[in-house]
Protein backbone atom coordinates (compact mmCIF):
# COMPACT_ATOMS: atom_id res chain seq x y z
CA MET A 1 125.82 76.98 98.42
CA GLN A 2 126.09 78.23 102.01
CA GLU A 3 128.02 81.28 100.83
CA ARG A 4 125.29 82.11 98.32
CA ILE A 5 122.54 81.72 100.93
CA THR A 6 124.48 83.83 103.43
CA GLU A 7 124.96 86.51 100.79
CA MET A 8 121.21 86.52 100.09
CA LEU A 9 120.52 86.76 103.81
CA ASN A 10 122.84 89.76 104.16
CA HIS A 11 121.24 91.72 101.31
CA ALA A 12 117.57 90.69 101.21
CA ASP A 13 114.55 92.02 103.09
CA ALA A 14 112.54 88.90 102.21
CA PHE A 15 112.88 85.69 100.21
CA ILE A 16 110.61 84.58 97.38
CA PHE A 17 110.90 81.02 96.14
CA LEU A 18 109.68 80.18 92.66
CA LEU A 19 109.58 76.79 91.00
CA GLY A 20 112.98 75.21 91.34
CA ASP A 21 115.30 72.27 91.66
CA LEU A 22 117.19 70.71 94.56
CA ALA A 23 119.34 73.82 95.01
CA THR A 24 116.16 75.87 95.44
CA LEU A 25 114.86 73.37 97.98
CA GLU A 26 118.19 73.44 99.83
CA ALA A 27 118.08 77.24 100.06
CA LEU A 28 114.44 77.11 101.22
CA ILE A 29 115.16 74.59 103.97
CA THR A 30 118.37 76.36 105.04
CA LEU A 31 116.63 79.73 105.39
CA ALA A 32 113.71 78.10 107.22
CA SER A 33 116.14 76.38 109.61
CA TRP A 34 117.95 79.65 110.24
CA ALA A 35 114.63 81.40 110.89
CA HIS A 36 113.65 78.62 113.29
CA LEU A 37 116.98 79.11 115.09
CA HIS A 38 116.34 82.88 115.19
CA ILE A 39 119.32 83.69 112.97
CA HIS A 40 116.98 85.89 110.92
CA GLN A 41 113.37 87.09 111.01
CA LYS A 42 112.87 87.75 107.31
CA PRO A 43 109.75 86.42 105.60
CA ILE A 44 110.01 83.38 103.34
CA GLY A 45 107.54 83.50 100.47
CA LEU A 46 106.47 80.58 98.32
CA LEU A 47 105.04 81.51 94.93
CA ASN A 48 102.84 78.45 94.52
CA VAL A 49 102.38 78.54 90.73
CA ASN A 50 100.30 75.59 89.51
CA ASN A 51 100.31 74.25 93.10
CA PHE A 52 104.05 73.53 92.88
CA TYR A 53 104.56 73.79 96.65
CA ASP A 54 101.44 71.82 97.65
CA GLY A 55 103.52 68.66 98.20
CA PHE A 56 105.94 70.59 100.40
CA ILE A 57 103.05 71.91 102.48
CA VAL A 58 101.61 68.38 102.80
CA PHE A 59 105.04 67.15 103.95
CA LEU A 60 105.31 70.03 106.43
CA ASN A 61 101.89 69.20 107.90
CA HIS A 62 102.81 65.50 108.07
CA ALA A 63 106.07 66.26 109.91
CA ILE A 64 104.19 68.52 112.34
CA LYS A 65 101.46 65.93 112.93
CA ASN A 66 104.12 63.32 113.73
CA TYR A 67 106.07 65.66 116.05
CA PHE A 68 109.23 65.83 113.93
CA ILE A 69 109.04 69.62 113.71
CA PRO A 70 107.15 72.14 115.86
CA SER A 71 103.83 73.54 114.65
CA SER A 72 105.41 77.00 114.72
CA ALA A 73 107.37 75.98 111.60
CA LYS A 74 104.27 76.67 109.47
CA LYS A 75 104.52 80.35 110.42
CA LEU A 76 107.90 80.53 108.69
CA PHE A 77 106.31 80.33 105.24
CA ILE A 78 104.02 82.70 103.38
CA CYS A 79 102.36 80.95 100.46
CA ALA A 80 100.35 82.51 97.62
CA HIS A 81 99.28 81.59 94.09
CA THR A 82 99.96 84.98 92.47
CA ALA A 83 102.91 87.35 92.64
CA ASN A 84 100.73 90.32 93.64
CA GLU A 85 99.10 88.36 96.46
CA LEU A 86 102.50 87.17 97.70
CA LEU A 87 104.00 90.67 97.61
CA ASP A 88 101.04 92.05 99.58
CA MET A 89 101.44 89.30 102.18
CA LEU A 90 105.20 89.85 102.44
CA GLN A 91 104.73 93.59 102.92
CA ALA A 92 102.22 92.93 105.72
CA TYR A 93 104.55 90.45 107.44
CA LYS A 94 105.35 91.09 111.10
CA PRO A 95 108.02 88.84 112.64
CA GLU A 96 107.21 86.86 115.74
CA PRO A 97 108.95 88.10 118.90
CA ASP A 98 112.17 86.24 119.56
CA PRO A 99 111.43 84.04 122.60
CA TRP A 100 115.12 83.96 123.56
CA THR A 101 115.51 87.72 123.79
CA PHE A 102 113.81 90.09 126.16
CA VAL A 103 114.08 93.80 126.81
CA LEU A 104 114.65 95.20 130.28
CA GLU A 105 113.75 98.73 131.26
CA ARG A 106 116.42 100.12 133.57
CA PRO A 107 116.57 103.63 134.97
CA ASN A 108 119.62 105.69 134.06
CA ASN A 109 121.38 107.94 136.52
CA ASP A 110 119.21 110.81 135.27
CA GLY A 111 115.99 108.90 136.04
CA ASN A 112 115.17 108.11 132.40
CA SER A 113 114.92 104.52 131.33
CA SER A 114 117.24 102.86 128.86
CA ARG A 115 116.74 99.62 127.06
CA SER A 116 119.25 96.85 127.22
CA ARG A 117 119.05 93.52 125.50
CA SER A 118 119.76 90.33 127.30
CA THR A 119 119.56 86.70 126.22
CA ASN A 120 118.76 83.62 128.21
């Protein structure tokens, strides 16, 4: 399963989860965990047909309320009831800045600045 999820990660611009079984839920949680760990910044969409993902959202809110996961975890998911609405939301998605990476402006020898990435 990990190979399949990694392959999706390498080739996808976004993820859309439809109704599914335990394998779907495993992929959803794995990609959310990887996003939380800043392994990727791709949007994760939930197509909430017939309120299929309502229970997941209730669980997520419960885990946040009881301090098992950070409130920022809710930002990992984009949820919509129609495909068109979800696609519009995914296209408008802007990833959160990575808190572990910052950009330094350093002057070059010629006086121009160059960007270098550094991690804490």
